[in-house]
C-alpha cells in the first residue's frame, strides 16, 4: 500500500515538474516573435501625435525603420536623439522612421517627444495590437522593412549610432 502511494505521489510530482518546466520555457525562453526576416511586414494603421493616420502600406517603395519603445525604457530614451539625427540624414534617401510607443498616455508621449524635439512619426499602440501582431518582446525592439514590405531584420536591445546607421543603409531603397 505504501509503495503504491509513493509511486502515485512520485508520478504526480513528475507531471507537475514537467508542466512547470514547460510553462517556464514557453514564457521566458521560447521565441514568440512573429516578425522574422524574410516575412512580409504586418500592415497596421495608427494615429500619430498630431492625429494623422499612419499606415505601413503607404510607405511602399521606402525603407521603414520601425522602433517599438517606451518612455520608461532607459535604452529607448538614449537611442531617440540618435534616431532623430539620422532621420534627417536618411529621410531624403527613402528611409522613414515610425516610433511605436507601447500604450502610454498620450500626454506622456507628447511631453517626451517635445522635450527631445523629435520630428519623425510617433504613434501610440493603444491596446498593444501592433506589438502583439509582431510578437514584440522586450523593448526596445526595432524591425527593419525594405521597400517591398519585407522584414529584413528584427533587433531587440539598445541601438548605438553605428548600428542605426548600418540599419539605415541596409534598408535604403535601391536606386
N, C-alpha and C. Protein backbone atom coordinates (compact mmCIF):
# COMPACT_ATOMS: atom_id res chain seq x y z
N UNK A 1 0.82 -1.19 0.00
CA UNK A 1 0.00 0.00 0.00
C UNK A 1 0.87 1.27 0.00
N UNK A 2 1.90 1.31 0.86
CA UNK A 2 2.80 2.47 0.92
C UNK A 2 3.56 2.63 -0.39
N UNK A 3 3.93 1.51 -0.98
CA UNK A 3 4.66 1.55 -2.25
C UNK A 3 3.79 2.16 -3.35
N UNK A 4 2.50 1.78 -3.40
CA UNK A 4 1.57 2.34 -4.40
C UNK A 4 1.42 3.85 -4.22
N UNK A 5 1.28 4.27 -2.97
CA UNK A 5 1.14 5.69 -2.68
C UNK A 5 2.41 6.45 -3.09
N UNK A 6 3.56 5.90 -2.84
CA UNK A 6 4.82 6.52 -3.22
C UNK A 6 4.93 6.65 -4.74
N UNK A 7 4.56 5.62 -5.46
CA UNK A 7 4.59 5.66 -6.93
C UNK A 7 3.61 6.71 -7.44
N UNK A 8 2.41 6.76 -6.87
CA UNK A 8 1.39 7.73 -7.28
C UNK A 8 1.87 9.17 -7.02
N UNK A 9 2.39 9.41 -5.83
CA UNK A 9 2.88 10.76 -5.49
C UNK A 9 4.07 11.15 -6.37
N UNK A 10 4.95 10.23 -6.61
CA UNK A 10 6.12 10.50 -7.46
C UNK A 10 5.69 10.82 -8.89
N UNK A 11 4.71 10.09 -9.38
CA UNK A 11 4.19 10.35 -10.73
C UNK A 11 3.55 11.72 -10.81
N UNK A 12 2.72 12.07 -9.83
CA UNK A 12 2.09 13.40 -9.81
C UNK A 12 3.14 14.51 -9.71
N UNK A 13 4.15 14.32 -8.88
CA UNK A 13 5.22 15.30 -8.75
C UNK A 13 5.97 15.47 -10.07
N UNK A 14 6.25 14.37 -10.74
CA UNK A 14 6.93 14.43 -12.03
C UNK A 14 6.09 15.19 -13.06
N UNK A 15 4.81 14.93 -13.11
CA UNK A 15 3.91 15.62 -14.04
C UNK A 15 3.88 17.11 -13.74
N UNK A 16 3.83 17.47 -12.46
CA UNK A 16 3.82 18.89 -12.08
C UNK A 16 5.14 19.56 -12.46
N UNK A 17 6.25 18.89 -12.24
CA UNK A 17 7.54 19.46 -12.61
C UNK A 17 7.67 19.66 -14.13
N UNK A 18 7.18 18.72 -14.89
CA UNK A 18 7.19 18.85 -16.35
C UNK A 18 6.33 20.03 -16.77
N UNK A 19 5.14 20.16 -16.18
CA UNK A 19 4.24 21.27 -16.52
C UNK A 19 4.87 22.62 -16.16
N UNK A 20 5.48 22.71 -14.99
CA UNK A 20 6.14 23.96 -14.58
C UNK A 20 7.33 24.26 -15.48
N UNK A 21 8.10 23.24 -15.81
CA UNK A 21 9.24 23.43 -16.71
C UNK A 21 8.81 23.91 -18.08
N UNK A 22 7.75 23.33 -18.63
CA UNK A 22 7.25 23.75 -19.94
C UNK A 22 6.73 25.19 -19.88
N UNK A 23 6.01 25.52 -18.82
CA UNK A 23 5.50 26.88 -18.67
C UNK A 23 6.65 27.88 -18.62
N UNK A 24 7.66 27.59 -17.83
CA UNK A 24 8.83 28.46 -17.74
C UNK A 24 9.48 28.62 -19.11
N UNK A 25 9.67 27.53 -19.81
CA UNK A 25 10.27 27.57 -21.15
C UNK A 25 9.43 28.43 -22.08
N UNK A 26 8.13 28.20 -22.10
CA UNK A 26 7.23 28.91 -23.02
C UNK A 26 7.22 30.40 -22.74
N UNK A 27 7.20 30.79 -21.48
CA UNK A 27 7.11 32.21 -21.14
C UNK A 27 8.44 32.94 -21.31
N UNK A 28 9.54 32.31 -20.87
CA UNK A 28 10.80 33.04 -20.79
C UNK A 28 11.84 32.69 -21.86
N UNK A 29 11.73 31.55 -22.47
CA UNK A 29 12.79 31.13 -23.38
C UNK A 29 12.34 31.01 -24.82
N UNK A 30 11.17 30.46 -25.06
CA UNK A 30 10.70 30.21 -26.43
C UNK A 30 10.58 31.51 -27.20
N UNK A 31 10.89 31.47 -28.48
CA UNK A 31 10.80 32.63 -29.37
C UNK A 31 9.36 32.77 -29.85
N UNK A 32 8.69 33.83 -29.38
CA UNK A 32 7.29 34.06 -29.74
C UNK A 32 7.15 35.06 -30.87
N UNK A 33 8.25 35.58 -31.34
CA UNK A 33 8.18 36.65 -32.32
C UNK A 33 7.55 36.17 -33.63
N UNK A 34 6.67 36.99 -34.13
CA UNK A 34 6.02 36.74 -35.40
C UNK A 34 6.86 37.39 -36.50
N UNK A 35 7.46 38.52 -36.13
CA UNK A 35 8.28 39.26 -37.07
C UNK A 35 9.62 38.56 -37.24
N UNK A 36 9.86 38.05 -38.42
CA UNK A 36 11.12 37.37 -38.73
C UNK A 36 11.61 37.84 -40.09
N UNK A 37 12.91 37.88 -40.24
CA UNK A 37 13.49 38.27 -41.52
C UNK A 37 12.95 37.35 -42.62
N UNK A 38 12.55 37.97 -43.72
CA UNK A 38 12.02 37.22 -44.85
C UNK A 38 10.51 37.21 -44.89
N UNK A 39 9.85 37.48 -43.75
CA UNK A 39 8.39 37.54 -43.72
C UNK A 39 7.90 38.90 -44.22
N UNK A 40 6.68 38.92 -44.72
CA UNK A 40 6.06 40.18 -45.10
C UNK A 40 5.69 40.92 -43.82
N UNK A 41 5.93 42.22 -43.77
CA UNK A 41 5.60 43.03 -42.59
C UNK A 41 4.08 43.11 -42.46
N UNK A 42 3.60 42.98 -41.24
CA UNK A 42 2.17 43.09 -40.96
C UNK A 42 1.77 44.55 -41.09
N UNK A 43 0.76 44.82 -41.91
CA UNK A 43 0.28 46.19 -42.07
C UNK A 43 -0.44 46.64 -40.80
N UNK A 44 -0.35 47.91 -40.52
CA UNK A 44 -1.07 48.48 -39.38
C UNK A 44 -1.46 49.90 -39.70
N UNK A 45 -2.46 50.38 -39.00
CA UNK A 45 -2.90 51.77 -39.11
C UNK A 45 -3.00 52.32 -37.70
N UNK A 46 -2.24 53.38 -37.43
CA UNK A 46 -2.27 54.05 -36.13
C UNK A 46 -2.26 55.56 -36.37
N UNK A 47 -2.63 56.33 -35.35
CA UNK A 47 -2.58 57.79 -35.46
C UNK A 47 -1.33 58.31 -34.79
N UNK A 48 -0.70 59.31 -35.46
CA UNK A 48 0.46 59.92 -34.83
C UNK A 48 0.00 60.95 -33.80
N UNK A 49 0.93 61.62 -33.17
CA UNK A 49 0.60 62.56 -32.10
C UNK A 49 -0.18 63.78 -32.58
N UNK A 50 -0.13 64.05 -33.89
CA UNK A 50 -0.89 65.17 -34.46
C UNK A 50 -2.26 64.72 -34.97
N UNK A 51 -2.57 63.45 -34.81
CA UNK A 51 -3.87 62.93 -35.27
C UNK A 51 -3.86 62.46 -36.71
N UNK A 52 -2.69 62.44 -37.34
CA UNK A 52 -2.59 61.98 -38.73
C UNK A 52 -2.54 60.45 -38.77
N UNK A 53 -3.17 59.90 -39.78
CA UNK A 53 -3.23 58.45 -39.97
C UNK A 53 -1.90 57.95 -40.55
N UNK A 54 -1.30 56.96 -39.90
CA UNK A 54 -0.06 56.35 -40.36
C UNK A 54 -0.37 54.90 -40.70
N UNK A 55 -0.19 54.53 -41.96
CA UNK A 55 -0.39 53.14 -42.38
C UNK A 55 0.90 52.65 -43.00
N UNK A 56 1.37 51.51 -42.54
CA UNK A 56 2.63 50.97 -43.03
C UNK A 56 2.60 50.77 -44.54
N UNK A 57 1.50 50.29 -45.08
CA UNK A 57 1.39 50.01 -46.52
C UNK A 57 1.64 51.25 -47.38
N UNK A 58 1.39 52.43 -46.82
CA UNK A 58 1.60 53.66 -47.57
C UNK A 58 3.08 54.00 -47.76
N UNK A 59 3.94 53.28 -47.08
CA UNK A 59 5.38 53.53 -47.19
C UNK A 59 6.04 52.58 -48.19
N UNK A 60 5.24 51.90 -49.00
CA UNK A 60 5.81 51.02 -50.02
C UNK A 60 6.75 51.83 -50.91
N UNK A 61 7.90 51.26 -51.22
CA UNK A 61 8.90 51.97 -52.00
C UNK A 61 9.94 52.65 -51.13
N UNK A 62 9.71 52.67 -49.81
CA UNK A 62 10.67 53.25 -48.86
C UNK A 62 11.14 52.18 -47.90
N UNK A 63 12.32 52.38 -47.36
CA UNK A 63 12.77 51.54 -46.25
C UNK A 63 12.15 52.09 -44.98
N UNK A 64 11.65 51.21 -44.13
CA UNK A 64 10.98 51.68 -42.91
C UNK A 64 11.69 51.08 -41.69
N UNK A 65 12.06 51.97 -40.79
CA UNK A 65 12.73 51.65 -39.54
C UNK A 65 11.66 51.77 -38.46
N UNK A 66 11.11 50.63 -38.01
CA UNK A 66 10.04 50.63 -37.01
C UNK A 66 10.67 50.35 -35.65
N UNK A 67 10.50 51.29 -34.74
CA UNK A 67 11.09 51.16 -33.41
C UNK A 67 9.98 51.08 -32.37
N UNK A 68 9.92 49.97 -31.64
CA UNK A 68 8.95 49.78 -30.56
C UNK A 68 9.64 50.22 -29.26
N UNK A 69 8.99 51.12 -28.51
CA UNK A 69 9.67 51.76 -27.39
C UNK A 69 8.70 52.21 -26.30
N UNK A 70 9.27 52.68 -25.19
CA UNK A 70 8.50 53.27 -24.09
C UNK A 70 9.33 54.35 -23.42
N UNK A 71 8.65 55.34 -22.86
CA UNK A 71 9.37 56.44 -22.19
C UNK A 71 10.04 55.97 -20.91
N UNK A 72 9.59 54.86 -20.35
CA UNK A 72 10.12 54.29 -19.11
C UNK A 72 11.33 53.38 -19.36
N UNK A 73 11.73 53.24 -20.61
CA UNK A 73 12.78 52.31 -21.00
C UNK A 73 14.07 53.11 -21.25
N UNK A 74 15.07 53.01 -20.33
CA UNK A 74 16.31 53.80 -20.50
C UNK A 74 17.00 53.64 -21.85
N UNK A 75 17.16 52.42 -22.40
CA UNK A 75 17.80 52.32 -23.72
C UNK A 75 16.98 53.02 -24.81
N UNK A 76 15.65 52.99 -24.68
CA UNK A 76 14.78 53.66 -25.66
C UNK A 76 15.04 55.17 -25.63
N UNK A 77 15.14 55.71 -24.43
CA UNK A 77 15.36 57.15 -24.26
C UNK A 77 16.71 57.55 -24.86
N UNK A 78 17.75 56.73 -24.65
CA UNK A 78 19.09 57.04 -25.17
C UNK A 78 19.16 57.00 -26.69
N UNK A 79 18.40 56.11 -27.32
CA UNK A 79 18.51 55.97 -28.77
C UNK A 79 17.65 56.97 -29.55
N UNK A 80 16.67 57.59 -28.93
CA UNK A 80 15.78 58.52 -29.64
C UNK A 80 16.52 59.72 -30.25
N UNK A 81 17.41 60.42 -29.53
CA UNK A 81 18.12 61.54 -30.15
C UNK A 81 18.98 61.10 -31.35
N UNK A 82 19.56 59.92 -31.25
CA UNK A 82 20.37 59.40 -32.37
C UNK A 82 19.48 59.12 -33.57
N UNK A 83 18.32 58.52 -33.32
CA UNK A 83 17.37 58.26 -34.40
C UNK A 83 16.94 59.58 -35.05
N UNK A 84 16.71 60.59 -34.23
CA UNK A 84 16.30 61.90 -34.76
C UNK A 84 17.38 62.48 -35.67
N UNK A 85 18.61 62.42 -35.22
CA UNK A 85 19.73 62.96 -36.01
C UNK A 85 19.85 62.23 -37.36
N UNK A 86 19.80 60.91 -37.32
CA UNK A 86 19.95 60.13 -38.55
C UNK A 86 18.70 60.18 -39.43
N UNK A 87 17.55 60.44 -38.83
CA UNK A 87 16.31 60.60 -39.61
C UNK A 87 16.47 61.74 -40.62
N UNK A 88 17.03 62.84 -40.17
CA UNK A 88 17.22 63.98 -41.08
C UNK A 88 18.21 63.65 -42.19
N UNK A 89 19.20 62.85 -41.87
CA UNK A 89 20.21 62.48 -42.85
C UNK A 89 19.65 61.50 -43.89
N UNK A 90 18.81 60.57 -43.47
CA UNK A 90 18.35 59.49 -44.36
C UNK A 90 16.96 59.68 -44.95
N UNK A 91 16.20 60.63 -44.44
CA UNK A 91 14.83 60.83 -44.93
C UNK A 91 14.80 61.08 -46.44
N UNK A 92 15.70 61.90 -46.94
CA UNK A 92 15.73 62.20 -48.37
C UNK A 92 16.29 61.04 -49.21
N UNK A 93 16.77 60.00 -48.54
CA UNK A 93 17.30 58.82 -49.24
C UNK A 93 16.28 57.68 -49.26
N UNK A 94 15.03 57.99 -48.91
CA UNK A 94 13.97 56.99 -48.97
C UNK A 94 13.79 56.16 -47.72
N UNK A 95 14.22 56.68 -46.58
CA UNK A 95 14.06 55.97 -45.30
C UNK A 95 13.04 56.72 -44.45
N UNK A 96 12.15 55.96 -43.81
CA UNK A 96 11.19 56.54 -42.88
C UNK A 96 11.32 55.84 -41.53
N UNK A 97 11.14 56.59 -40.46
CA UNK A 97 11.12 56.03 -39.11
C UNK A 97 9.69 56.12 -38.60
N UNK A 98 9.23 55.03 -37.99
CA UNK A 98 7.96 55.05 -37.27
C UNK A 98 8.28 54.54 -35.87
N UNK A 99 8.08 55.39 -34.87
CA UNK A 99 8.32 55.01 -33.48
C UNK A 99 6.98 54.63 -32.86
N UNK A 100 6.84 53.37 -32.49
CA UNK A 100 5.58 52.86 -31.94
C UNK A 100 5.71 52.74 -30.43
N UNK A 101 5.00 53.61 -29.72
CA UNK A 101 5.02 53.60 -28.27
C UNK A 101 4.10 52.51 -27.74
N UNK A 102 4.53 51.87 -26.65
CA UNK A 102 3.81 50.75 -26.06
C UNK A 102 2.73 51.21 -25.08
N UNK A 103 1.65 51.76 -25.62
CA UNK A 103 0.42 52.06 -24.86
C UNK A 103 0.62 52.93 -23.62
N UNK A 104 1.31 54.04 -23.78
CA UNK A 104 1.42 55.00 -22.68
C UNK A 104 0.43 56.14 -22.93
N UNK A 105 0.12 56.92 -21.90
CA UNK A 105 -0.79 58.05 -22.08
C UNK A 105 -0.23 59.04 -23.11
N UNK A 106 -1.13 59.59 -23.92
CA UNK A 106 -0.72 60.50 -24.99
C UNK A 106 0.06 61.70 -24.45
N UNK A 107 -0.37 62.25 -23.34
CA UNK A 107 0.31 63.41 -22.77
C UNK A 107 1.76 63.07 -22.40
N UNK A 108 1.99 61.90 -21.85
CA UNK A 108 3.34 61.46 -21.50
C UNK A 108 4.23 61.39 -22.75
N UNK A 109 3.69 60.80 -23.80
CA UNK A 109 4.45 60.64 -25.04
C UNK A 109 4.68 62.00 -25.70
N UNK A 110 3.67 62.86 -25.70
CA UNK A 110 3.82 64.20 -26.29
C UNK A 110 4.90 65.00 -25.57
N UNK A 111 4.90 64.95 -24.25
CA UNK A 111 5.92 65.70 -23.49
C UNK A 111 7.32 65.14 -23.76
N UNK A 112 7.42 63.83 -23.85
CA UNK A 112 8.70 63.20 -24.16
C UNK A 112 9.21 63.64 -25.53
N UNK A 113 8.33 63.57 -26.54
CA UNK A 113 8.71 63.95 -27.90
C UNK A 113 9.07 65.43 -27.98
N UNK A 114 8.34 66.25 -27.27
CA UNK A 114 8.61 67.69 -27.27
C UNK A 114 9.95 68.00 -26.59
N UNK A 115 10.21 67.33 -25.47
CA UNK A 115 11.46 67.55 -24.74
C UNK A 115 12.68 67.20 -25.59
N UNK A 116 12.56 66.15 -26.41
CA UNK A 116 13.68 65.73 -27.26
C UNK A 116 13.60 66.32 -28.66
N UNK A 117 12.55 67.10 -28.93
CA UNK A 117 12.35 67.74 -30.24
C UNK A 117 12.37 66.70 -31.37
N UNK A 118 11.58 65.64 -31.20
CA UNK A 118 11.52 64.56 -32.19
C UNK A 118 10.57 64.94 -33.32
N UNK A 119 11.00 64.71 -34.56
CA UNK A 119 10.18 65.11 -35.72
C UNK A 119 9.69 63.92 -36.55
N UNK A 120 10.23 62.73 -36.30
CA UNK A 120 9.75 61.57 -37.06
C UNK A 120 8.39 61.14 -36.50
N UNK A 121 7.61 60.39 -37.28
CA UNK A 121 6.28 59.98 -36.82
C UNK A 121 6.35 59.10 -35.56
N UNK A 122 5.57 59.51 -34.57
CA UNK A 122 5.44 58.76 -33.33
C UNK A 122 3.98 58.40 -33.17
N UNK A 123 3.71 57.12 -32.97
CA UNK A 123 2.35 56.63 -32.79
C UNK A 123 2.28 55.88 -31.46
N UNK A 124 1.08 55.81 -30.91
CA UNK A 124 0.87 55.07 -29.67
C UNK A 124 0.03 53.85 -30.00
N UNK A 125 0.56 52.70 -29.63
CA UNK A 125 -0.14 51.44 -29.88
C UNK A 125 -1.06 51.14 -28.70
N UNK A 126 -2.23 51.82 -28.71
CA UNK A 126 -3.21 51.59 -27.66
C UNK A 126 -3.68 50.14 -27.76
N UNK A 127 -3.80 49.51 -26.65
CA UNK A 127 -4.20 48.09 -26.56
C UNK A 127 -3.12 47.15 -27.09
N UNK A 128 -1.98 47.65 -27.48
CA UNK A 128 -0.82 46.88 -27.95
C UNK A 128 -1.13 45.87 -29.06
N UNK A 129 -2.06 46.20 -29.94
CA UNK A 129 -2.42 45.30 -31.04
C UNK A 129 -1.26 45.08 -32.01
N UNK A 130 -0.53 46.13 -32.33
CA UNK A 130 0.59 46.00 -33.28
C UNK A 130 1.74 45.24 -32.62
N UNK A 131 1.99 45.55 -31.35
CA UNK A 131 3.04 44.84 -30.62
C UNK A 131 2.75 43.35 -30.59
N UNK A 132 1.50 42.99 -30.36
CA UNK A 132 1.11 41.57 -30.35
C UNK A 132 1.20 40.97 -31.75
N UNK A 133 0.78 41.73 -32.76
CA UNK A 133 0.83 41.22 -34.14
C UNK A 133 2.26 40.91 -34.57
N UNK A 134 3.21 41.71 -34.09
CA UNK A 134 4.62 41.49 -34.42
C UNK A 134 5.32 40.58 -33.42
N UNK A 135 4.66 40.26 -32.31
CA UNK A 135 5.28 39.41 -31.30
C UNK A 135 6.46 40.07 -30.63
N UNK A 136 6.34 41.36 -30.35
CA UNK A 136 7.46 42.13 -29.80
C UNK A 136 7.62 41.88 -28.32
N UNK A 137 8.85 41.56 -27.96
CA UNK A 137 9.25 41.40 -26.58
C UNK A 137 10.75 41.36 -26.58
N UNK A 138 11.49 42.06 -25.90
CA UNK A 138 11.24 43.16 -24.98
C UNK A 138 11.35 44.49 -25.72
N UNK A 139 11.28 45.60 -24.97
CA UNK A 139 11.54 46.92 -25.52
C UNK A 139 12.98 47.29 -25.18
N UNK A 140 13.64 48.03 -26.02
CA UNK A 140 13.26 48.40 -27.37
C UNK A 140 13.50 47.23 -28.34
N UNK A 141 12.67 47.20 -29.36
CA UNK A 141 12.87 46.27 -30.48
C UNK A 141 12.68 47.05 -31.75
N UNK A 142 13.54 46.81 -32.71
CA UNK A 142 13.49 47.50 -33.99
C UNK A 142 13.26 46.48 -35.10
N UNK A 143 12.32 46.81 -35.98
CA UNK A 143 12.02 45.96 -37.14
C UNK A 143 12.35 46.76 -38.38
N UNK A 144 13.20 46.20 -39.23
CA UNK A 144 13.60 46.87 -40.48
C UNK A 144 12.80 46.27 -41.63
N UNK A 145 12.15 47.14 -42.40
CA UNK A 145 11.32 46.71 -43.52
C UNK A 145 11.87 47.35 -44.79
N UNK A 146 12.08 46.54 -45.83
CA UNK A 146 12.61 47.08 -47.08
C UNK A 146 11.50 47.71 -47.92
N UNK A 147 11.90 48.25 -49.07
CA UNK A 147 10.95 48.97 -49.94
C UNK A 147 9.84 48.09 -50.48
N UNK A 148 9.98 46.78 -50.41
CA UNK A 148 8.95 45.85 -50.89
C UNK A 148 8.02 45.38 -49.77
N UNK A 149 8.22 45.86 -48.55
CA UNK A 149 7.38 45.45 -47.43
C UNK A 149 7.82 44.16 -46.76
N UNK A 150 9.06 43.74 -47.02
CA UNK A 150 9.60 42.52 -46.43
C UNK A 150 10.47 42.87 -45.23
N UNK A 151 10.33 42.11 -44.17
CA UNK A 151 11.15 42.32 -42.98
C UNK A 151 12.57 41.85 -43.31
N UNK A 152 13.52 42.74 -43.09
CA UNK A 152 14.92 42.46 -43.36
C UNK A 152 15.62 41.98 -42.09
N UNK A 153 15.24 42.58 -40.95
CA UNK A 153 15.90 42.26 -39.70
C UNK A 153 15.00 42.66 -38.53
N UNK A 154 15.11 41.90 -37.44
CA UNK A 154 14.47 42.24 -36.17
C UNK A 154 15.58 42.27 -35.13
N UNK A 155 15.68 43.38 -34.42
CA UNK A 155 16.76 43.56 -33.45
C UNK A 155 16.17 43.98 -32.11
N UNK A 156 16.43 43.23 -31.07
CA UNK A 156 15.99 43.59 -29.72
C UNK A 156 17.18 44.10 -28.93
N UNK A 157 16.99 45.23 -28.29
CA UNK A 157 18.06 45.80 -27.47
C UNK A 157 18.38 47.22 -27.88
N UNK A 158 19.30 47.80 -27.13
CA UNK A 158 19.69 49.19 -27.34
C UNK A 158 20.47 49.34 -28.64
N UNK A 159 20.27 50.48 -29.27
CA UNK A 159 20.95 50.79 -30.53
C UNK A 159 21.97 51.90 -30.32
N UNK A 160 23.09 51.76 -30.98
CA UNK A 160 24.10 52.82 -30.99
C UNK A 160 23.99 53.56 -32.32
N UNK A 161 24.70 54.67 -32.44
CA UNK A 161 24.68 55.41 -33.70
C UNK A 161 25.19 54.54 -34.84
N UNK A 162 26.24 53.79 -34.61
CA UNK A 162 26.82 52.95 -35.66
C UNK A 162 25.82 51.89 -36.13
N UNK A 163 25.12 51.28 -35.18
CA UNK A 163 24.14 50.24 -35.53
C UNK A 163 22.96 50.85 -36.28
N UNK A 164 22.47 51.98 -35.82
CA UNK A 164 21.34 52.63 -36.52
C UNK A 164 21.76 52.99 -37.94
N UNK A 165 22.94 53.55 -38.10
CA UNK A 165 23.43 53.91 -39.43
C UNK A 165 23.53 52.67 -40.32
N UNK A 166 24.06 51.59 -39.77
CA UNK A 166 24.16 50.33 -40.52
C UNK A 166 22.77 49.85 -40.94
N UNK A 167 21.80 49.94 -40.03
CA UNK A 167 20.44 49.51 -40.34
C UNK A 167 19.81 50.39 -41.42
N UNK A 168 20.04 51.69 -41.35
CA UNK A 168 19.51 52.60 -42.37
C UNK A 168 20.07 52.26 -43.74
N UNK A 169 21.37 51.98 -43.79
CA UNK A 169 21.99 51.61 -45.06
C UNK A 169 21.41 50.29 -45.58
N UNK A 170 21.10 49.40 -44.67
CA UNK A 170 20.58 48.08 -45.04
C UNK A 170 19.20 48.16 -45.70
N UNK A 171 18.38 49.13 -45.29
CA UNK A 171 17.02 49.23 -45.85
C UNK A 171 16.86 50.38 -46.85
N UNK A 172 17.96 51.04 -47.16
CA UNK A 172 17.89 52.13 -48.14
C UNK A 172 17.44 51.55 -49.49
N UNK A 173 16.38 52.13 -50.07
CA UNK A 173 15.90 51.60 -51.38
C UNK A 173 17.00 51.64 -52.43
N UNK A 174 16.99 50.63 -53.28
CA UNK A 174 17.95 50.57 -54.38
C UNK A 174 17.52 51.58 -55.44
N UNK A 175 18.47 52.31 -55.94
CA UNK A 175 18.16 53.37 -56.93
C UNK A 175 17.74 52.83 -58.26
